[in-house]
C-alpha atoms as a PDB file:
ATOM      1  CA  MET A   1       0.023   0.058   0.054  1.00  0.00           C
ATOM      2  CA  ALA A   2       1.252   3.373  -0.940  1.00  0.00           C
ATOM      3  CA  VAL A   3       0.348   6.733   0.609  1.00  0.00           C
ATOM      4  CA  ASN A   4      -0.021   9.465  -1.964  1.00  0.00           C
ATOM      5  CA  TYR A   5      -0.359  13.206  -0.986  1.00  0.00           C
ATOM      6  CA  ILE A   6      -2.202  15.255  -3.536  1.00  0.00           C
ATOM      7  CA  CYS A   7      -3.271  18.908  -3.362  1.00  0.00           C
ATOM      8  CA  ARG A   8      -7.062  19.204  -2.857  1.00  0.00           C
ATOM      9  CA  TYR A   9      -7.197  22.218  -5.056  1.00  0.00           C
ATOM     10  CA  CYS A  10      -4.905  21.826  -8.048  1.00  0.00           C
ATOM     11  CA  LYS A  11      -4.350  18.006  -7.945  1.00  0.00           C
ATOM     12  CA  THR A  12      -0.552  18.383  -7.962  1.00  0.00           C
ATOM     13  CA  HIS A  13       1.273  15.354  -6.636  1.00  0.00           C
ATOM     14  CA  ILE A  14       2.953  16.499  -3.544  1.00  0.00           C
ATOM     15  CA  GLY A  15       4.682  13.298  -2.486  1.00  0.00           C
ATOM     16  CA  SER A  16       4.331   9.576  -1.809  1.00  0.00           C
ATOM     17  CA  ILE A  17       5.407   6.915   0.631  1.00  0.00           C
ATOM     18  CA  ASP A  18       5.659   3.517  -0.790  1.00  0.00           C
ATOM     19  CA  ASN A  19       5.911   1.277   2.135  1.00  0.00           C
ATOM     20  CA  ALA A  20       3.355  -1.282   3.395  1.00  0.00           C
ATOM     21  CA  LEU A  21       4.863  -1.211   6.868  1.00  0.00           C
ATOM     22  CA  VAL A  22       4.217   2.363   7.689  1.00  0.00           C
ATOM     23  CA  SER A  23       1.414   2.985  10.319  1.00  0.00           C
ATOM     24  CA  GLU A  24      -1.313   5.490  10.601  1.00  0.00           C
ATOM     25  CA  GLN A  25       0.425   6.659  13.760  1.00  0.00           C
ATOM     26  CA  GLN A  26       3.690   7.135  11.972  1.00  0.00           C
ATOM     27  CA  LEU A  27       1.980   9.275   9.435  1.00  0.00           C
ATOM     28  CA  GLY A  28       0.031  11.292  12.175  1.00  0.00           C
ATOM     29  CA  LEU A  29      -3.395  10.163  10.681  1.00  0.00           C
ATOM     30  CA  HIS A  30      -4.529   8.770  14.048  1.00  0.00           C
ATOM     31  CA  SER A  31      -4.828  12.328  15.489  1.00  0.00           C
ATOM     32  CA  LEU A  32      -7.545  13.256  12.869  1.00  0.00           C
ATOM     33  CA  THR A  33     -11.245  13.571  13.795  1.00  0.00           C
ATOM     34  CA  ALA A  34     -13.763  11.450  11.953  1.00  0.00           C
ATOM     35  CA  ASP A  35     -14.830  14.537   9.847  1.00  0.00           C
ATOM     36  CA  GLU A  36     -11.216  15.254   9.170  1.00  0.00           C
ATOM     37  CA  ARG A  37     -10.576  11.755   7.950  1.00  0.00           C
ATOM     38  CA  ASN A  38     -13.719  11.923   5.732  1.00  0.00           C
ATOM     39  CA  ASP A  39     -12.515  15.210   4.233  1.00  0.00           C
ATOM     40  CA  MET A  40      -8.892  14.393   3.717  1.00  0.00           C
ATOM     41  CA  ILE A  41      -8.404  10.732   3.026  1.00  0.00           C
ATOM     42  CA  THR A  42      -9.670   8.589   0.129  1.00  0.00           C
ATOM     43  CA  TYR A  43      -8.609   5.418  -1.538  1.00  0.00           C
ATOM     44  CA  ASN A  44      -7.704   4.988  -5.244  1.00  0.00           C
ATOM     45  CA  GLY A  45      -8.619   1.974  -7.402  1.00  0.00           C
ATOM     46  CA  ASN A  46      -5.761  -0.131  -6.414  1.00  0.00           C
ATOM     47  CA  GLY A  47      -6.115   0.420  -2.639  1.00  0.00           C
ATOM     48  CA  ASP A  48      -3.546   3.045  -2.152  1.00  0.00           C
ATOM     49  CA  LEU A  49      -4.375   5.774   0.480  1.00  0.00           C
ATOM     50  CA  VAL A  50      -4.685   9.219  -0.924  1.00  0.00           C
ATOM     51  CA  VAL A  51      -4.443  12.126   1.554  1.00  0.00           C
ATOM     52  CA  HIS A  52      -5.858  15.584   0.224  1.00  0.00           C
ATOM     53  CA  LEU A  53      -3.592  18.491   1.426  1.00  0.00           C
ATOM     54  CA  VAL A  54      -3.027  22.077   0.325  1.00  0.00           C
ATOM     55  CA  CYS A  55       0.327  22.573  -1.573  1.00  0.00           C
ATOM     56  CA  ASP A  56       2.487  25.753  -0.919  1.00  0.00           C
ATOM     57  CA  TYR A  57       1.220  27.330  -4.018  1.00  0.00           C
ATOM     58  CA  CYS A  58      -2.406  27.021  -3.230  1.00  0.00           C
ATOM     59  CA  ASN A  59      -1.937  27.889   0.317  1.00  0.00           C
ATOM     60  CA  GLU A  60      -0.251  31.111  -0.805  1.00  0.00           C
ATOM     61  CA  ALA A  61      -2.978  31.859  -3.172  1.00  0.00           C
ATOM     62  CA  LEU A  62      -5.630  31.375  -0.640  1.00  0.00           C
ATOM     63  CA  ASN A  63      -3.857  33.549   1.901  1.00  0.00           C
ATOM     64  CA  SER A  64      -3.519  36.232  -0.579  1.00  0.00           C
ATOM     65  CA  ASN A  65      -7.071  35.922  -1.868  1.00  0.00           C
ATOM     66  CA  PRO A  66      -9.274  34.645   0.846  1.00  0.00           C
ATOM     67  CA  GLU A  67     -12.426  34.796  -1.422  1.00  0.00           C
ATOM     68  CA  LEU A  68     -11.116  31.712  -3.192  1.00  0.00           C
ATOM     69  CA  ASN A  69     -12.362  29.716  -0.213  1.00  0.00           C
ATOM     70  CA  LEU A  70     -15.828  30.386  -1.546  1.00  0.00           C
ATOM     71  CA  VAL A  71     -15.187  28.536  -4.769  1.00  0.00           C
ATOM     72  CA  ASN A  72     -16.778  25.209  -4.787  1.00  0.00           C
ATOM     73  CA  ASN A  73     -14.214  22.419  -4.187  1.00  0.00           C
ATOM     74  CA  PRO A  74     -15.249  18.865  -5.234  1.00  0.00           C
ATOM     75  CA  LEU A  75     -13.591  17.357  -2.266  1.00  0.00           C
ATOM     76  CA  GLN A  76     -15.538  19.456   0.313  1.00  0.00           C
END
């Protein structure tokens, strides 16, 4: 099982961990609430974990233009 990190806005691949032995505690996912998990984590067709984050570029854009938070996001 791989863990892939993808930007929730621009869909840029941020990084991945390809290790079946990595645990949710090592990744820090155990500290998420149920709502946060539902919002941030999905599985792709081959069973890999996909964690939806915000990349640096989109984070900067959102901080500079807060009205972009009002744009419909398909993951929300």
